[in-house]
Amino acid sequence: MHDGSSVGELAKQLRDELDRYSPGGKLPSSRALVERFRVSPVTVSRALGQLAAEGLVVTRPGAGVFRAEPQAAAAPAGDTSWQEVTLSADAAAEPVPRAVDASGVLVTLAAPAPGVIEFNGGYLDASLQPERAMAAALARAGRRPGAWGRPPVDGLMELREWFARGIGGAITAAEVLITAGGQSALTTALRALAPPGAPVLVESPTYPGMLAIARAAGLRPVPVPVDTDGVRPDLLEAAFRATGARVLVCQPLFQNPTGAVLSAERRPEVLRIARAAGAFVIEDDFVRRLVHEDAGPLPRPLASDDRDGVVVHVCSLTKATSPSFRVSALVARGPVLERLRAIQVVDHFFVPRPLQEAALELVGSPAWPRHLRAVAGELKDRRDAMAAALRLRFPELAMPHVPAGGYHLWQRMPDGTDEAALVSAALRAGVAVAPGRPYFAAEPPAAYIRLSFAAVAGTGEIAEGVRRLRAACDEVLG
């Protein structure tokens, strides 16, 4: 049983049994609960913690766990209707309203209900995460001299050097800032490079989290279509000319959601077009460490071929480790680096030193290359299993582009498909998928879904998930 589901089930059982105890009454010991429910001590501790957070039980160290006393009646709710007027007035005064819509991000962050197969996840399943290696790295990091002191605001020099070596080219540690995850780095970059109301060019389709950042900052995302060779240079040049934009955000390697890789022919074209427009390219290199076993040599980051400071590069350890291991790098050269640094410091001060020390311990350990090799093989097997299941269950659909890296497939659905109805039907059938609409800055050309093969327990769950998706499609399409 998945640890998260067993915690929830145990919490429900204990919640249902609370009426057996009078207020202040003592519950059985953790050891007794472990033996009775045949779960781990960690599961018992987490379930009791959940009940404590709900105010149902009270934990007294050294004494045990007790049913909480009845809570006093809640105070009457206040009147917050005044906020609608204030927030609407602020929006009316802005050149571009800051619409903060996190729905496209929450789809990949929300934990599914027990029994639901997670095809909408954005991170590695727990079985693929290097949990032991991370725990050991964190333990070693905590014992390093000065590990709990204040780090340099730019990040630990050794960690900045490690990221610089991974990018290659002429990038040096002096051009690297350590940030708290790729989302944070993208937020800093967009705030630094584009004023509110400005247009920003984005790939179409693209990562919903980036669209949310742009809109929350009052920017105007302008879509530029991609194909299997990445963003189209002809349309990119036209978009710069038509909008006067000074920023392009792109994912040249295993783009989210299409899986496209910017071709060797287009790479210099994109840099040339941006340079001619006096524009920056924000390169989101988010899954370089989730390459598949059969990928072959990867193209270098755009930043490694950029001598003129056109590229602002973002890369992260999070996707290859754990959603809670939020260590990333923001890389730039020239005067823009100082602006990025200033915004990073004002917004976040610095990334906690113990986490940076743990990152150094992890990537410097023999477990790190072993983990990457294991994930590369496992992701290839899962990708192939999902592609085979789609061919079997959906022979009428065109096979999606099958990338050699990343963690998902991008599937176009039949013309006329009600995307929202399909997503709802799939959830009722027991499989959660990501709708395609949030990936488009403008009207989508068709109905799409994104299917993750990394956030599930294995290939058997993939086959069952696609079977459930077929049933949902039959329900919606008749």
Protein backbone atom coordinates (compact mmCIF):
# COMPACT_ATOMS: atom_id res chain seq x y z
CA MET A 1 0.00 0.00 0.00
CA HIS A 2 1.23 3.50 -0.84
CA ASP A 3 2.45 5.26 2.30
CA GLY A 4 0.27 8.32 1.71
CA SER A 5 -2.88 6.21 1.33
CA SER A 6 -2.13 4.08 4.43
CA VAL A 7 -1.70 7.22 6.53
CA GLY A 8 -5.06 8.52 5.34
CA GLU A 9 -6.80 5.20 5.97
CA LEU A 10 -5.36 4.87 9.48
CA ALA A 11 -6.32 8.46 10.31
CA LYS A 12 -9.88 7.75 9.16
CA GLN A 13 -10.12 4.61 11.30
CA LEU A 14 -8.80 6.41 14.37
CA ARG A 15 -11.11 9.34 13.74
CA ASP A 16 -14.10 6.98 13.56
CA GLU A 17 -13.11 5.41 16.89
CA LEU A 18 -12.61 8.62 18.88
CA ASP A 19 -16.12 8.43 20.36
CA ARG A 20 -14.93 5.44 22.40
CA TYR A 21 -12.83 7.81 24.49
CA SER A 22 -14.07 10.56 26.75
CA PRO A 23 -12.53 14.03 26.34
CA GLY A 24 -9.06 13.85 27.85
CA GLY A 25 -9.07 10.06 27.57
CA LYS A 26 -5.84 8.37 26.56
CA LEU A 27 -5.58 6.55 23.22
CA PRO A 28 -3.62 3.28 22.82
CA SER A 29 0.14 3.63 22.58
CA SER A 30 1.87 3.93 19.24
CA ARG A 31 3.29 0.43 19.69
CA ALA A 32 -0.21 -0.97 20.23
CA LEU A 33 -1.48 0.79 17.11
CA VAL A 34 1.44 -0.57 15.06
CA GLU A 35 0.63 -4.12 16.15
CA ARG A 36 -3.12 -3.77 15.73
CA PHE A 37 -3.17 -2.17 12.28
CA ARG A 38 0.06 -3.80 10.99
CA VAL A 39 1.55 -0.54 9.79
CA SER A 40 4.89 1.12 10.37
CA PRO A 41 5.63 3.43 13.32
CA VAL A 42 6.07 6.27 10.81
CA THR A 43 2.54 5.71 9.48
CA VAL A 44 1.13 5.77 13.03
CA SER A 45 3.05 8.96 13.84
CA ARG A 46 1.81 10.70 10.68
CA ALA A 47 -1.80 9.62 11.20
CA LEU A 48 -1.79 10.88 14.78
CA GLY A 49 -0.15 14.10 13.57
CA GLN A 50 -3.00 14.54 11.09
CA LEU A 51 -5.59 14.16 13.87
CA ALA A 52 -3.64 16.59 16.05
CA ALA A 53 -3.64 19.13 13.22
CA GLU A 54 -7.42 18.75 13.02
CA GLY A 55 -7.68 19.48 16.75
CA LEU A 56 -9.08 16.03 17.54
CA VAL A 57 -6.23 14.75 19.71
CA VAL A 58 -3.47 16.25 21.85
CA THR A 59 0.03 14.80 22.04
CA ARG A 60 1.87 15.07 25.34
CA PRO A 61 5.52 14.02 25.09
CA GLY A 62 6.31 11.23 27.52
CA ALA A 63 2.64 10.74 28.43
CA GLY A 64 0.90 9.71 25.22
CA VAL A 65 -1.93 10.85 22.95
CA PHE A 66 -5.28 12.01 24.37
CA ARG A 67 -8.65 12.91 22.92
CA ALA A 68 -8.90 16.69 22.77
CA GLU A 69 -11.40 18.60 24.87
CA PRO A 70 -14.44 19.91 22.94
CA GLN A 71 -13.63 23.14 21.19
CA ALA A 72 -15.50 26.31 21.94
CA ALA A 73 -17.99 27.45 19.36
CA ALA A 74 -16.31 29.22 16.50
CA ALA A 75 -16.59 32.98 16.38
CA PRO A 76 -18.98 34.30 13.75
CA ALA A 77 -17.38 34.78 10.35
CA GLY A 78 -16.33 38.29 9.47
CA ASP A 79 -17.50 40.24 6.44
CA THR A 80 -14.79 40.13 3.74
CA SER A 81 -17.01 41.34 0.88
CA TRP A 82 -15.22 44.71 0.94
CA GLN A 83 -12.18 43.00 -0.60
CA GLU A 84 -13.97 42.51 -3.92
CA VAL A 85 -14.20 46.27 -4.38
CA THR A 86 -10.58 46.88 -3.39
CA LEU A 87 -9.13 44.12 -5.55
CA SER A 88 -11.25 45.13 -8.54
CA ALA A 89 -10.15 48.75 -8.20
CA ASP A 90 -6.49 47.68 -8.20
CA ALA A 91 -7.03 45.58 -11.32
CA ALA A 92 -8.71 48.44 -13.16
CA ALA A 93 -5.68 50.67 -12.53
CA GLU A 94 -3.19 48.20 -14.02
CA PRO A 95 -2.25 48.11 -17.73
CA VAL A 96 -2.63 44.31 -17.71
CA PRO A 97 -4.68 42.77 -14.86
CA ARG A 98 -2.62 40.41 -12.70
CA ALA A 99 -4.78 37.32 -12.96
CA VAL A 100 -3.36 34.78 -10.51
CA ASP A 101 -4.65 31.45 -11.83
CA ALA A 102 -2.84 28.49 -10.25
CA SER A 103 -5.21 25.82 -11.58
CA GLY A 104 -2.76 24.55 -14.20
CA VAL A 105 -0.07 24.15 -11.53
CA LEU A 106 -2.32 22.66 -8.86
CA VAL A 107 -3.28 19.84 -11.23
CA THR A 108 0.26 18.46 -10.94
CA LEU A 109 0.69 19.26 -7.23
CA ALA A 110 -2.55 17.94 -5.75
CA ALA A 111 -2.36 14.41 -4.36
CA PRO A 112 -4.97 12.10 -5.93
CA ALA A 113 -7.50 10.22 -3.83
CA PRO A 114 -6.59 6.67 -2.80
CA GLY A 115 -6.98 4.27 -5.71
CA VAL A 116 -6.66 6.95 -8.40
CA ILE A 117 -3.80 6.40 -10.84
CA GLU A 118 -1.71 9.56 -11.09
CA PHE A 119 -1.14 10.38 -14.76
CA ASN A 120 -1.14 14.10 -13.92
CA GLY A 121 1.93 14.17 -11.66
CA GLY A 122 4.92 16.39 -12.28
CA TYR A 123 7.49 14.60 -10.13
CA LEU A 124 9.06 11.18 -9.73
CA ASP A 125 7.11 8.55 -7.84
CA ALA A 126 8.53 7.82 -4.39
CA SER A 127 9.89 4.51 -5.72
CA LEU A 128 12.12 6.46 -8.14
CA GLN A 129 13.36 9.09 -5.71
CA PRO A 130 16.81 8.65 -4.13
CA GLU A 131 15.34 8.77 -0.63
CA ARG A 132 18.19 6.95 1.13
CA ALA A 133 20.85 8.96 -0.65
CA MET A 134 19.06 12.24 0.16
CA ALA A 135 18.62 11.25 3.80
CA ALA A 136 22.29 10.32 4.09
CA ALA A 137 23.33 13.55 2.34
CA LEU A 138 21.17 15.64 4.67
CA ALA A 139 22.60 13.86 7.72
CA ARG A 140 26.18 14.45 6.57
CA ALA A 141 25.38 18.04 5.64
CA GLY A 142 24.03 18.76 9.10
CA ARG A 143 27.38 17.78 10.61
CA ARG A 144 29.47 20.01 8.34
CA PRO A 145 31.21 22.88 10.13
CA GLY A 146 29.09 26.02 9.76
CA ALA A 147 26.26 24.11 8.10
CA TRP A 148 23.63 26.03 10.09
CA GLY A 149 25.15 29.44 9.56
CA ARG A 150 24.22 32.07 7.02
CA PRO A 151 25.34 31.16 3.49
CA PRO A 152 26.65 33.59 0.86
CA VAL A 153 23.66 35.28 -0.77
CA ASP A 154 24.70 33.96 -4.20
CA GLY A 155 24.99 30.40 -2.87
CA LEU A 156 27.83 28.15 -1.78
CA MET A 157 30.78 28.51 -4.14
CA GLU A 158 31.25 24.74 -4.52
CA LEU A 159 27.61 24.31 -5.53
CA ARG A 160 27.78 27.20 -8.00
CA GLU A 161 30.91 25.63 -9.51
CA TRP A 162 29.11 22.28 -9.86
CA PHE A 163 26.20 23.87 -11.74
CA ALA A 164 28.61 25.87 -13.95
CA ARG A 165 30.48 22.68 -14.95
CA GLY A 166 27.18 21.04 -15.86
CA ILE A 167 26.25 23.87 -18.22
CA GLY A 168 29.66 24.02 -19.88
CA GLY A 169 30.96 26.52 -22.35
CA ALA A 170 32.47 29.63 -20.80
CA ILE A 171 30.04 29.73 -17.86
CA THR A 172 31.79 30.33 -14.53
CA ALA A 173 30.66 30.06 -10.92
CA ALA A 174 30.61 33.87 -10.72
CA GLU A 175 27.67 33.84 -13.16
CA VAL A 176 25.57 31.38 -11.11
CA LEU A 177 23.01 32.19 -8.42
CA ILE A 178 21.57 29.40 -6.26
CA THR A 179 17.77 29.61 -6.01
CA ALA A 180 14.98 27.68 -4.28
CA GLY A 181 13.65 25.63 -7.18
CA GLY A 182 13.01 26.29 -10.85
CA GLN A 183 9.68 28.04 -10.28
CA SER A 184 11.37 30.58 -8.04
CA ALA A 185 14.14 31.12 -10.59
CA LEU A 186 11.63 31.67 -13.42
CA THR A 187 9.74 34.17 -11.27
CA THR A 188 12.93 36.11 -10.57
CA ALA A 189 13.94 36.10 -14.24
CA LEU A 190 10.60 37.35 -15.53
CA ARG A 191 10.43 40.08 -12.90
CA ALA A 192 13.94 41.21 -13.81
CA LEU A 193 13.52 41.22 -17.57
CA ALA A 194 10.00 42.48 -18.28
CA PRO A 195 8.04 45.39 -16.74
CA PRO A 196 4.30 45.01 -15.98
CA GLY A 197 2.22 45.28 -19.13
CA ALA A 198 5.01 44.11 -21.43
CA PRO A 199 4.60 41.24 -23.90
CA VAL A 200 6.62 38.08 -23.34
CA LEU A 201 6.98 35.41 -26.01
CA VAL A 202 6.21 31.85 -24.92
CA GLU A 203 6.17 28.53 -26.69
CA SER A 204 2.77 27.19 -27.62
CA PRO A 205 1.88 24.97 -25.90
CA THR A 206 4.00 25.61 -22.82
CA TYR A 207 4.37 25.00 -19.09
CA PRO A 208 1.28 26.36 -17.23
CA GLY A 209 3.37 27.40 -14.22
CA MET A 210 5.31 29.83 -16.37
CA LEU A 211 2.09 31.29 -17.81
CA ALA A 212 0.83 31.74 -14.26
CA ILE A 213 4.03 33.57 -13.28
CA ALA A 214 3.78 35.89 -16.27
CA ARG A 215 0.13 36.76 -15.73
CA ALA A 216 0.60 37.27 -12.00
CA ALA A 217 3.35 39.80 -12.86
CA GLY A 218 1.02 41.66 -15.23
CA LEU A 219 2.80 40.46 -18.38
CA ARG A 220 1.12 39.54 -21.67
CA PRO A 221 2.11 36.03 -22.86
CA VAL A 222 2.27 35.86 -26.66
CA PRO A 223 2.28 32.30 -28.07
CA VAL A 224 4.79 31.10 -30.67
CA PRO A 225 3.99 27.59 -32.01
CA VAL A 226 6.39 24.67 -31.63
CA ASP A 227 6.71 21.47 -33.63
CA THR A 228 8.83 18.35 -33.07
CA ASP A 229 11.99 20.42 -33.76
CA GLY A 230 11.12 23.05 -31.16
CA VAL A 231 10.02 26.65 -31.50
CA ARG A 232 9.61 27.77 -35.13
CA PRO A 233 12.18 30.48 -36.04
CA ASP A 234 10.03 32.04 -38.78
CA LEU A 235 7.12 32.59 -36.40
CA LEU A 236 9.48 33.65 -33.61
CA GLU A 237 10.98 36.41 -35.76
CA ALA A 238 7.53 37.58 -36.78
CA ALA A 239 6.36 37.64 -33.15
CA PHE A 240 9.32 39.76 -32.04
CA ARG A 241 8.68 42.15 -34.91
CA ALA A 242 4.92 42.41 -34.28
CA THR A 243 5.01 42.78 -30.48
CA GLY A 244 8.31 44.48 -29.68
CA ALA A 245 8.83 41.86 -26.97
CA ARG A 246 12.19 41.71 -25.22
CA VAL A 247 11.87 38.24 -23.66
CA LEU A 248 11.36 34.71 -24.95
CA VAL A 249 10.82 31.81 -22.53
CA CYS A 250 11.65 28.41 -24.00
CA GLN A 251 12.47 24.83 -23.03
CA PRO A 252 14.91 23.64 -25.73
CA LEU A 253 15.27 20.13 -24.29
CA PHE A 254 12.27 17.76 -23.93
CA GLN A 255 9.83 20.64 -23.92
CA ASN A 256 6.83 20.56 -21.58
CA PRO A 257 4.35 19.34 -22.74
CA THR A 258 5.31 18.24 -26.28
CA GLY A 259 8.69 16.62 -25.49
CA ALA A 260 10.25 18.44 -28.47
CA VAL A 261 14.00 19.08 -28.67
CA LEU A 262 15.19 22.28 -30.37
CA SER A 263 17.05 21.05 -33.44
CA ALA A 264 20.72 21.76 -34.14
CA GLU A 265 19.73 23.92 -37.11
CA ARG A 266 17.32 26.05 -35.09
CA ARG A 267 19.53 26.63 -32.04
CA PRO A 268 21.75 29.33 -33.61
CA GLU A 269 18.70 30.80 -35.37
CA VAL A 270 16.84 31.34 -32.10
CA LEU A 271 19.87 33.07 -30.56
CA ARG A 272 20.41 35.19 -33.68
CA ILE A 273 16.76 36.29 -33.81
CA ALA A 274 16.68 37.18 -30.12
CA ARG A 275 19.97 39.08 -30.34
CA ALA A 276 18.72 41.07 -33.33
CA ALA A 277 15.56 41.96 -31.40
CA GLY A 278 17.59 43.08 -28.38
CA ALA A 279 15.81 40.37 -26.38
CA PHE A 280 16.68 37.87 -23.68
CA VAL A 281 16.03 34.13 -23.92
CA ILE A 282 15.04 32.48 -20.64
CA GLU A 283 16.17 28.88 -21.08
CA ASP A 284 14.26 26.54 -18.77
CA ASP A 285 16.46 23.43 -18.79
CA PHE A 286 14.19 21.58 -16.41
CA VAL A 287 14.64 17.85 -17.21
CA ARG A 288 18.19 17.42 -18.48
CA ARG A 289 18.78 14.90 -15.69
CA LEU A 290 15.68 12.88 -16.65
CA VAL A 291 17.13 11.64 -19.92
CA HIS A 292 16.06 8.15 -21.00
CA GLU A 293 18.41 5.21 -21.42
CA ASP A 294 18.16 5.26 -25.24
CA ALA A 295 18.57 9.02 -25.72
CA GLY A 296 22.14 9.20 -26.96
CA PRO A 297 24.24 12.38 -26.58
CA LEU A 298 22.25 15.44 -25.57
CA PRO A 299 22.61 18.92 -27.09
CA ARG A 300 24.37 21.34 -24.80
CA PRO A 301 22.36 24.08 -23.07
CA LEU A 302 21.82 27.19 -25.17
CA ALA A 303 23.70 29.11 -22.48
CA SER A 304 26.90 27.22 -23.29
CA ASP A 305 26.85 28.60 -26.86
CA ASP A 306 25.96 32.17 -25.86
CA ARG A 307 28.78 34.69 -25.53
CA ASP A 308 26.71 37.86 -25.64
CA GLY A 309 24.58 37.38 -22.52
CA VAL A 310 21.38 36.69 -24.48
CA VAL A 311 20.49 33.57 -22.48
CA VAL A 312 19.33 33.54 -18.87
CA HIS A 313 19.56 29.88 -17.91
CA VAL A 314 17.47 28.02 -15.30
CA CYS A 315 18.20 24.45 -14.17
CA SER A 316 17.21 22.47 -11.10
CA LEU A 317 17.86 19.33 -9.08
CA THR A 318 14.21 18.99 -8.07
CA LYS A 319 12.84 16.93 -10.98
CA ALA A 320 15.57 14.31 -10.61
CA THR A 321 15.25 14.02 -6.83
CA SER A 322 12.14 15.03 -4.90
CA PRO A 323 9.58 17.86 -5.00
CA SER A 324 10.92 18.92 -1.58
CA PHE A 325 14.57 19.05 -2.70
CA ARG A 326 14.26 22.58 -4.04
CA VAL A 327 17.74 23.58 -5.17
CA SER A 328 18.28 25.22 -8.54
CA ALA A 329 20.52 27.63 -10.42
CA LEU A 330 19.90 30.90 -12.23
CA VAL A 331 22.69 31.74 -14.67
CA ALA A 332 23.37 34.96 -16.57
CA ARG A 333 26.22 37.18 -17.70
CA GLY A 334 26.52 40.92 -18.05
CA PRO A 335 24.68 43.73 -16.23
CA VAL A 336 21.47 41.68 -15.97
CA LEU A 337 23.16 39.44 -13.40
CA GLU A 338 23.15 42.23 -10.83
CA ARG A 339 19.44 42.84 -11.34
CA LEU A 340 18.70 39.14 -10.96
CA ARG A 341 20.81 39.02 -7.80
CA ALA A 342 19.04 42.04 -6.30
CA ILE A 343 15.56 40.60 -6.88
CA GLN A 344 16.65 37.19 -5.57
CA VAL A 345 18.00 38.74 -2.37
CA VAL A 346 14.99 41.00 -1.80
CA ASP A 347 12.49 38.17 -2.35
CA HIS A 348 14.23 35.25 -0.65
CA PHE A 349 17.46 36.39 1.06
CA PHE A 350 19.10 33.01 0.31
CA VAL A 351 18.50 29.28 0.01
CA PRO A 352 18.88 27.60 3.45
CA ARG A 353 22.47 26.50 3.91
CA PRO A 354 21.69 22.95 5.14
CA LEU A 355 19.83 22.29 1.88
CA GLN A 356 22.73 23.60 -0.20
CA GLU A 357 25.18 21.50 1.82
CA ALA A 358 22.94 18.46 1.32
CA ALA A 359 22.87 19.09 -2.44
CA LEU A 360 26.68 19.13 -2.48
CA GLU A 361 26.80 15.90 -0.49
CA LEU A 362 24.28 14.24 -2.80
CA VAL A 363 25.79 15.15 -6.18
CA GLY A 364 29.30 14.35 -4.91
CA SER A 365 28.37 10.87 -3.69
CA PRO A 366 28.69 7.58 -5.64
CA ALA A 367 24.91 7.19 -5.20
CA TRP A 368 24.20 10.13 -7.54
CA PRO A 369 25.36 8.63 -10.88
CA ARG A 370 23.82 5.29 -9.86
CA HIS A 371 20.51 7.03 -9.25
CA LEU A 372 20.57 8.82 -12.61
CA ARG A 373 21.35 5.57 -14.44
CA ALA A 374 18.53 3.76 -12.65
CA VAL A 375 16.03 6.51 -13.42
CA ALA A 376 17.11 6.63 -17.08
CA GLY A 377 16.35 2.93 -17.48
CA GLU A 378 13.11 3.04 -15.53
CA LEU A 379 11.74 6.06 -17.40
CA LYS A 380 12.47 4.41 -20.75
CA ASP A 381 10.57 1.29 -19.68
CA ARG A 382 7.63 3.34 -18.43
CA ARG A 383 7.58 5.52 -21.56
CA ASP A 384 7.55 2.43 -23.78
CA ALA A 385 4.82 0.84 -21.66
CA MET A 386 2.61 3.92 -21.96
CA ALA A 387 3.22 4.26 -25.71
CA ALA A 388 2.37 0.57 -26.22
CA ALA A 389 -0.78 0.85 -24.10
CA LEU A 390 -1.95 3.90 -26.08
CA ARG A 391 -1.40 2.06 -29.38
CA LEU A 392 -3.40 -0.88 -28.07
CA ARG A 393 -6.29 1.01 -26.49
CA PHE A 394 -6.46 4.01 -28.87
CA PRO A 395 -5.65 2.67 -32.35
CA GLU A 396 -7.74 5.44 -33.91
CA LEU A 397 -5.48 8.20 -32.56
CA ALA A 398 -2.26 9.43 -34.08
CA MET A 399 0.65 8.31 -31.93
CA PRO A 400 2.11 11.25 -30.01
CA HIS A 401 5.73 12.28 -30.30
CA VAL A 402 7.69 9.87 -28.10
CA PRO A 403 10.57 11.80 -26.50
CA ALA A 404 13.86 10.36 -25.25
CA GLY A 405 13.69 12.34 -22.03
CA GLY A 406 11.26 13.84 -19.57
CA TYR A 407 8.33 12.15 -17.90
CA HIS A 408 5.18 12.50 -20.02
CA LEU A 409 3.44 12.10 -23.39
CA TRP A 410 1.27 14.75 -25.04
CA GLN A 411 -1.80 13.22 -26.67
CA ARG A 412 -4.18 14.96 -29.05
CA MET A 413 -7.73 13.71 -28.64
CA PRO A 414 -10.33 13.28 -31.40
CA ASP A 415 -11.83 16.44 -32.89
CA GLY A 416 -14.90 17.53 -31.00
CA THR A 417 -13.79 16.01 -27.69
CA ASP A 418 -15.07 17.92 -24.66
CA GLU A 419 -11.76 18.15 -22.80
CA ALA A 420 -13.26 19.09 -19.43
CA ALA A 421 -15.82 16.29 -19.64
CA LEU A 422 -13.08 13.81 -20.53
CA VAL A 423 -10.91 14.84 -17.56
CA SER A 424 -13.90 14.50 -15.21
CA ALA A 425 -14.89 11.12 -16.67
CA ALA A 426 -11.33 9.88 -16.34
CA LEU A 427 -11.26 10.85 -12.66
CA ARG A 428 -14.51 9.00 -12.09
CA ALA A 429 -12.91 5.99 -13.79
CA GLY A 430 -9.96 6.19 -11.40
CA VAL A 431 -7.25 7.92 -13.42
CA ALA A 432 -6.16 11.57 -13.10
CA VAL A 433 -4.92 13.28 -16.28
CA ALA A 434 -3.79 16.86 -16.94
CA PRO A 435 -6.08 18.80 -19.32
CA GLY A 436 -4.43 20.50 -22.27
CA ARG A 437 -6.16 23.89 -22.05
CA PRO A 438 -3.88 25.40 -19.34
CA TYR A 439 -0.83 24.77 -21.57
CA PHE A 440 -1.98 27.32 -24.17
CA ALA A 441 -1.63 31.10 -23.83
CA ALA A 442 -4.44 31.56 -26.37
CA GLU A 443 -7.21 29.36 -27.76
CA PRO A 444 -6.01 25.75 -28.19
CA PRO A 445 -6.25 24.20 -31.68
CA ALA A 446 -7.74 20.96 -30.34
CA ALA A 447 -8.38 18.95 -27.19
CA TYR A 448 -5.22 17.54 -25.58
CA ILE A 449 -4.26 15.70 -22.41
CA ARG A 450 -0.84 15.27 -20.83
CA LEU A 451 -0.04 11.81 -19.48
CA SER A 452 2.78 11.40 -16.96
CA PHE A 453 4.48 8.03 -16.63
CA ALA A 454 6.87 9.05 -13.82
CA ALA A 455 4.43 9.64 -10.96
CA VAL A 456 3.00 6.08 -10.90
CA ALA A 457 4.20 2.95 -9.15
CA GLY A 458 5.20 0.97 -12.26
CA THR A 459 4.34 -0.33 -15.72
CA GLY A 460 1.39 -2.37 -14.46
CA GLU A 461 -0.26 0.77 -13.16
CA ILE A 462 0.38 2.46 -16.53
CA ALA A 463 -1.44 -0.29 -18.43
CA GLU A 464 -4.39 -0.15 -16.02
CA GLY A 465 -4.50 3.65 -16.18
CA VAL A 466 -4.70 3.67 -19.98
CA ARG A 467 -7.47 1.03 -19.81
CA ARG A 468 -9.44 3.30 -17.47
CA LEU A 469 -8.81 6.27 -19.76
CA ARG A 470 -10.24 4.26 -22.69
CA ALA A 471 -13.41 3.64 -20.67
CA ALA A 472 -13.68 7.34 -19.87
CA CYS A 473 -13.28 8.26 -23.55
CA ASP A 474 -15.99 5.80 -24.53
CA GLU A 475 -18.29 7.39 -21.95
CA VAL A 476 -17.67 10.93 -23.26
CA LEU A 477 -17.58 10.18 -26.99
CA GLY A 478 -20.36 7.65 -26.95
